[in-house]
Amino acid sequence: DFIRLAMLGFVLAIPFSYYLLTKWLERFAYQVEMQWWQIFLMAGMGTIVITLFTISFKSIKTALHNPAESLRME
């Protein structure tokens, strides 16, 4: 579920970021062609990796936590 939410946010951010990047690159003296796969594909893969790492870390931390300590504090 978290990966779907992260990818939905990424897909919704692509048009906005593409527009801002092209406008920003137009102001330079030397023009550079921006190819979508170079930037957005790597950013999408980075998003998935960070999401998986975060979810894995939190899941392992929760699995190793002693439930008796949580109940004692309540």
C-alpha atoms as a PDB file:
ATOM      1  CA  ASP A   1       0.000   0.000   0.000  1.00  0.00           C
ATOM      2  CA  PHE A   2       2.807   2.417   0.823  1.00  0.00           C
ATOM      3  CA  ILE A   3       4.530   1.786  -2.490  1.00  0.00           C
ATOM      4  CA  ARG A   4       1.316   2.587  -4.356  1.00  0.00           C
ATOM      5  CA  LEU A   5       0.967   5.850  -2.433  1.00  0.00           C
ATOM      6  CA  ALA A   6       4.599   6.772  -3.074  1.00  0.00           C
ATOM      7  CA  MET A   7       4.274   6.009  -6.781  1.00  0.00           C
ATOM      8  CA  LEU A   8       0.984   7.948  -7.009  1.00  0.00           C
ATOM      9  CA  GLY A   9       2.693  10.977  -5.486  1.00  0.00           C
ATOM     10  CA  PHE A  10       5.621  10.532  -7.844  1.00  0.00           C
ATOM     11  CA  VAL A  11       3.382  10.267 -10.924  1.00  0.00           C
ATOM     12  CA  LEU A  12       1.431  13.355  -9.876  1.00  0.00           C
ATOM     13  CA  ALA A  13       4.671  15.307  -9.353  1.00  0.00           C
ATOM     14  CA  ILE A  14       6.186  14.479 -12.768  1.00  0.00           C
ATOM     15  CA  PRO A  15       4.314  17.075 -14.899  1.00  0.00           C
ATOM     16  CA  PHE A  16       4.854  19.880 -12.405  1.00  0.00           C
ATOM     17  CA  SER A  17       8.545  19.148 -11.951  1.00  0.00           C
ATOM     18  CA  TYR A  18       9.077  18.696 -15.704  1.00  0.00           C
ATOM     19  CA  TYR A  19       7.541  22.121 -16.335  1.00  0.00           C
ATOM     20  CA  LEU A  20       9.662  23.788 -13.651  1.00  0.00           C
ATOM     21  CA  LEU A  21      12.869  22.094 -14.843  1.00  0.00           C
ATOM     22  CA  THR A  22      12.336  23.078 -18.483  1.00  0.00           C
ATOM     23  CA  LYS A  23      11.607  26.698 -17.505  1.00  0.00           C
ATOM     24  CA  TRP A  24      14.684  26.781 -15.295  1.00  0.00           C
ATOM     25  CA  LEU A  25      16.935  25.276 -17.993  1.00  0.00           C
ATOM     26  CA  GLU A  26      15.722  27.786 -20.608  1.00  0.00           C
ATOM     27  CA  ARG A  27      17.475  30.606 -18.753  1.00  0.00           C
ATOM     28  CA  PHE A  28      20.968  29.200 -19.259  1.00  0.00           C
ATOM     29  CA  ALA A  29      23.187  30.347 -22.102  1.00  0.00           C
ATOM     30  CA  TYR A  30      23.990  26.795 -23.155  1.00  0.00           C
ATOM     31  CA  GLN A  31      20.824  24.830 -23.804  1.00  0.00           C
ATOM     32  CA  VAL A  32      20.579  21.253 -22.604  1.00  0.00           C
ATOM     33  CA  GLU A  33      18.041  18.699 -23.749  1.00  0.00           C
ATOM     34  CA  MET A  34      16.304  17.101 -20.815  1.00  0.00           C
ATOM     35  CA  GLN A  35      15.303  13.519 -21.405  1.00  0.00           C
ATOM     36  CA  TRP A  36      12.589  12.157 -19.126  1.00  0.00           C
ATOM     37  CA  TRP A  37      14.158   8.777 -18.585  1.00  0.00           C
ATOM     38  CA  GLN A  38      17.410  10.234 -17.289  1.00  0.00           C
ATOM     39  CA  ILE A  39      15.798  12.196 -14.493  1.00  0.00           C
ATOM     40  CA  PHE A  40      12.372  10.806 -13.744  1.00  0.00           C
ATOM     41  CA  LEU A  41      13.176   7.122 -14.101  1.00  0.00           C
ATOM     42  CA  MET A  42      16.069   7.399 -11.671  1.00  0.00           C
ATOM     43  CA  ALA A  43      13.953   9.498  -9.299  1.00  0.00           C
ATOM     44  CA  GLY A  44      11.174   6.898  -9.445  1.00  0.00           C
ATOM     45  CA  MET A  45      13.597   4.108  -8.662  1.00  0.00           C
ATOM     46  CA  GLY A  46      15.019   6.164  -5.810  1.00  0.00           C
ATOM     47  CA  THR A  47      11.513   6.725  -4.479  1.00  0.00           C
ATOM     48  CA  ILE A  48      10.803   3.000  -4.465  1.00  0.00           C
ATOM     49  CA  VAL A  49      14.130   2.186  -2.785  1.00  0.00           C
ATOM     50  CA  ILE A  50      13.638   4.795  -0.053  1.00  0.00           C
ATOM     51  CA  THR A  51      10.047   3.657   0.530  1.00  0.00           C
ATOM     52  CA  LEU A  52      11.055  -0.010   0.781  1.00  0.00           C
ATOM     53  CA  PHE A  53      13.960   0.806   3.103  1.00  0.00           C
ATOM     54  CA  THR A  54      11.761   2.891   5.405  1.00  0.00           C
ATOM     55  CA  ILE A  55       8.976   0.316   5.554  1.00  0.00           C
ATOM     56  CA  SER A  56      11.447  -2.525   6.126  1.00  0.00           C
ATOM     57  CA  PHE A  57      13.232  -0.641   8.897  1.00  0.00           C
ATOM     58  CA  LYS A  58       9.988   0.187  10.710  1.00  0.00           C
ATOM     59  CA  SER A  59       8.626  -3.353  10.276  1.00  0.00           C
ATOM     60  CA  ILE A  60      11.782  -4.969  11.688  1.00  0.00           C
ATOM     61  CA  LYS A  61      11.874  -2.474  14.554  1.00  0.00           C
ATOM     62  CA  THR A  62       8.234  -3.255  15.410  1.00  0.00           C
ATOM     63  CA  ALA A  63       8.726  -7.016  15.104  1.00  0.00           C
ATOM     64  CA  LEU A  64      11.702  -6.985  17.465  1.00  0.00           C
ATOM     65  CA  HIS A  65       9.989  -4.780  20.040  1.00  0.00           C
ATOM     66  CA  ASN A  66       8.821  -6.513  23.209  1.00  0.00           C
ATOM     67  CA  PRO A  67       4.998  -6.093  23.532  1.00  0.00           C
ATOM     68  CA  ALA A  68       5.193  -6.448  27.326  1.00  0.00           C
ATOM     69  CA  GLU A  69       7.032  -3.122  27.560  1.00  0.00           C
ATOM     70  CA  SER A  70       4.270  -1.355  25.649  1.00  0.00           C
ATOM     71  CA  LEU A  71       1.566  -2.840  27.858  1.00  0.00           C
ATOM     72  CA  ARG A  72       3.456  -1.929  31.019  1.00  0.00           C
ATOM     73  CA  MET A  73       3.487   1.765  30.065  1.00  0.00           C
ATOM     74  CA  GLU A  74      -0.249   1.853  29.423  1.00  0.00           C
END
